[in-house]
Amino acid sequence: MGQVALTLMIMPESPETDIEAIKKQAKKRLERLDVVIKEIKEKPVAFGLKMLEILLTFPDRPGGTDAIEHAISEIDGVASVEAGDITLL
C-alpha cells in the first residue's frame, strides 16, 4: 500500500465562525489519524465567508477518506467537509 494525497475542503457555518479554532482542531484530529498536513489555505467564498482547503497525505487504507471527513465534520463551527482531488502517490 502507498500514500494517498487528498485536498479537503472545509466550510465554516458563518463568516463569524473562528476559522483559526477550526484549523487548530483539524490539526489535532488529523494527527491522531496518521495524516500529514502539507498545506492549509484560506479561500474566500462570498460575503466575508472563507473556507479552508487542506492538502494532506495519509497511508492508503480501507475506508479511504471516511474517517478523516467524519473527524473534521465533528468540529464545532464546521458546516460541511468535502473531499476534493484525491490521488495515489
C-alpha atoms as a PDB file:
ATOM      1  CA  MET A   1       0.000   0.000   0.000  1.00  0.00           C
ATOM      2  CA  GLY A   2       1.170   3.505  -0.800  1.00  0.00           C
ATOM      3  CA  GLN A   3       0.363   7.028   0.244  1.00  0.00           C
ATOM      4  CA  VAL A   4      -2.730   8.991  -0.731  1.00  0.00           C
ATOM      5  CA  ALA A   5      -2.815  12.758  -1.380  1.00  0.00           C
ATOM      6  CA  LEU A   6      -6.123  14.470  -0.669  1.00  0.00           C
ATOM      7  CA  THR A   7      -7.471  18.001  -0.897  1.00  0.00           C
ATOM      8  CA  LEU A   8     -10.063  18.512   1.823  1.00  0.00           C
ATOM      9  CA  MET A   9     -12.462  21.473   1.680  1.00  0.00           C
ATOM     10  CA  ILE A  10     -13.935  22.664   4.974  1.00  0.00           C
ATOM     11  CA  MET A  11     -16.789  25.172   5.032  1.00  0.00           C
ATOM     12  CA  PRO A  12     -17.461  27.030   8.295  1.00  0.00           C
ATOM     13  CA  GLU A  13     -21.022  27.742   9.445  1.00  0.00           C
ATOM     14  CA  SER A  14     -20.756  31.522   9.003  1.00  0.00           C
ATOM     15  CA  PRO A  15     -18.316  34.402   8.412  1.00  0.00           C
ATOM     16  CA  GLU A  16     -18.262  34.911  12.197  1.00  0.00           C
ATOM     17  CA  THR A  17     -17.007  31.365  12.846  1.00  0.00           C
ATOM     18  CA  ASP A  18     -13.487  31.305  14.317  1.00  0.00           C
ATOM     19  CA  ILE A  19     -11.555  29.798  11.399  1.00  0.00           C
ATOM     20  CA  GLU A  20      -8.326  29.685  13.442  1.00  0.00           C
ATOM     21  CA  ALA A  21     -10.054  27.469  16.026  1.00  0.00           C
ATOM     22  CA  ILE A  22     -11.191  25.144  13.232  1.00  0.00           C
ATOM     23  CA  LYS A  23      -7.606  24.964  11.898  1.00  0.00           C
ATOM     24  CA  LYS A  24      -6.254  24.140  15.358  1.00  0.00           C
ATOM     25  CA  GLN A  25      -8.832  21.398  15.970  1.00  0.00           C
ATOM     26  CA  ALA A  26      -8.363  19.979  12.466  1.00  0.00           C
ATOM     27  CA  LYS A  27      -4.605  19.674  13.026  1.00  0.00           C
ATOM     28  CA  LYS A  28      -5.148  17.830  16.324  1.00  0.00           C
ATOM     29  CA  ARG A  29      -7.703  15.432  14.907  1.00  0.00           C
ATOM     30  CA  LEU A  30      -5.738  14.693  11.739  1.00  0.00           C
ATOM     31  CA  GLU A  31      -2.561  13.913  13.712  1.00  0.00           C
ATOM     32  CA  ARG A  32      -4.466  11.171  15.547  1.00  0.00           C
ATOM     33  CA  LEU A  33      -5.395   9.597  12.197  1.00  0.00           C
ATOM     34  CA  ASP A  34      -1.784   9.321  10.929  1.00  0.00           C
ATOM     35  CA  VAL A  35      -2.366  12.184   8.477  1.00  0.00           C
ATOM     36  CA  VAL A  36       0.376  14.604   7.389  1.00  0.00           C
ATOM     37  CA  ILE A  37      -0.791  18.134   6.587  1.00  0.00           C
ATOM     38  CA  LYS A  38       1.163  19.558   3.661  1.00  0.00           C
ATOM     39  CA  GLU A  39      -0.624  22.894   3.262  1.00  0.00           C
ATOM     40  CA  ILE A  40      -3.580  24.860   4.645  1.00  0.00           C
ATOM     41  CA  LYS A  41      -5.118  27.712   2.652  1.00  0.00           C
ATOM     42  CA  GLU A  42      -7.969  30.074   3.420  1.00  0.00           C
ATOM     43  CA  LYS A  43     -10.045  30.764   0.315  1.00  0.00           C
ATOM     44  CA  PRO A  44     -12.731  33.449   0.045  1.00  0.00           C
ATOM     45  CA  VAL A  45     -16.195  32.154  -0.834  1.00  0.00           C
ATOM     46  CA  ALA A  46     -18.680  35.052  -0.596  1.00  0.00           C
ATOM     47  CA  PHE A  47     -19.789  37.871   1.695  1.00  0.00           C
ATOM     48  CA  GLY A  48     -16.783  37.523   4.012  1.00  0.00           C
ATOM     49  CA  LEU A  49     -17.067  33.742   4.290  1.00  0.00           C
ATOM     50  CA  LYS A  50     -13.792  31.842   3.909  1.00  0.00           C
ATOM     51  CA  MET A  51     -13.307  28.116   3.510  1.00  0.00           C
ATOM     52  CA  LEU A  52     -10.275  26.053   4.436  1.00  0.00           C
ATOM     53  CA  GLU A  53      -8.540  23.967   1.804  1.00  0.00           C
ATOM     54  CA  ILE A  54      -6.172  21.409   3.319  1.00  0.00           C
ATOM     55  CA  LEU A  55      -3.718  19.359   1.275  1.00  0.00           C
ATOM     56  CA  LEU A  56      -2.768  16.219   3.174  1.00  0.00           C
ATOM     57  CA  THR A  57      -1.273  12.772   2.784  1.00  0.00           C
ATOM     58  CA  PHE A  58      -2.059   9.534   4.575  1.00  0.00           C
ATOM     59  CA  PRO A  59      -1.430   5.798   4.151  1.00  0.00           C
ATOM     60  CA  ASP A  60      -3.740   4.052   1.693  1.00  0.00           C
ATOM     61  CA  ARG A  61      -6.212   2.096   3.812  1.00  0.00           C
ATOM     62  CA  PRO A  62      -9.695   0.586   3.697  1.00  0.00           C
ATOM     63  CA  GLY A  63     -12.414   3.194   4.156  1.00  0.00           C
ATOM     64  CA  GLY A  64     -10.457   5.824   2.255  1.00  0.00           C
ATOM     65  CA  THR A  65     -11.359   9.315   3.428  1.00  0.00           C
ATOM     66  CA  ASP A  66     -14.386   8.423   5.590  1.00  0.00           C
ATOM     67  CA  ALA A  67     -12.613   8.614   8.972  1.00  0.00           C
ATOM     68  CA  ILE A  68     -10.925  11.893   8.015  1.00  0.00           C
ATOM     69  CA  GLU A  69     -14.143  13.542   6.840  1.00  0.00           C
ATOM     70  CA  HIS A  70     -16.021  12.326   9.917  1.00  0.00           C
ATOM     71  CA  ALA A  71     -13.373  13.632  12.339  1.00  0.00           C
ATOM     72  CA  ILE A  72     -13.402  17.091  10.747  1.00  0.00           C
ATOM     73  CA  SER A  73     -17.198  17.287  10.454  1.00  0.00           C
ATOM     74  CA  GLU A  74     -17.491  16.927  14.251  1.00  0.00           C
ATOM     75  CA  ILE A  75     -15.561  20.172  14.903  1.00  0.00           C
ATOM     76  CA  ASP A  76     -17.724  22.985  16.297  1.00  0.00           C
ATOM     77  CA  GLY A  77     -18.383  25.611  13.641  1.00  0.00           C
ATOM     78  CA  VAL A  78     -17.920  23.303  10.639  1.00  0.00           C
ATOM     79  CA  ALA A  79     -20.898  23.312   8.263  1.00  0.00           C
ATOM     80  CA  SER A  80     -19.540  20.817   5.715  1.00  0.00           C
ATOM     81  CA  VAL A  81     -16.499  18.797   4.697  1.00  0.00           C
ATOM     82  CA  GLU A  82     -15.846  17.656   1.152  1.00  0.00           C
ATOM     83  CA  ALA A  83     -13.079  15.512  -0.303  1.00  0.00           C
ATOM     84  CA  GLY A  84     -11.749  17.155  -3.454  1.00  0.00           C
ATOM     85  CA  ASP A  85      -8.831  15.895  -5.511  1.00  0.00           C
ATOM     86  CA  ILE A  86      -7.530  12.522  -4.387  1.00  0.00           C
ATOM     87  CA  THR A  87      -4.663  10.552  -5.867  1.00  0.00           C
ATOM     88  CA  LEU A  88      -2.392   7.652  -5.029  1.00  0.00           C
ATOM     89  CA  LEU A  89       1.251   8.712  -4.718  1.00  0.00           C
END
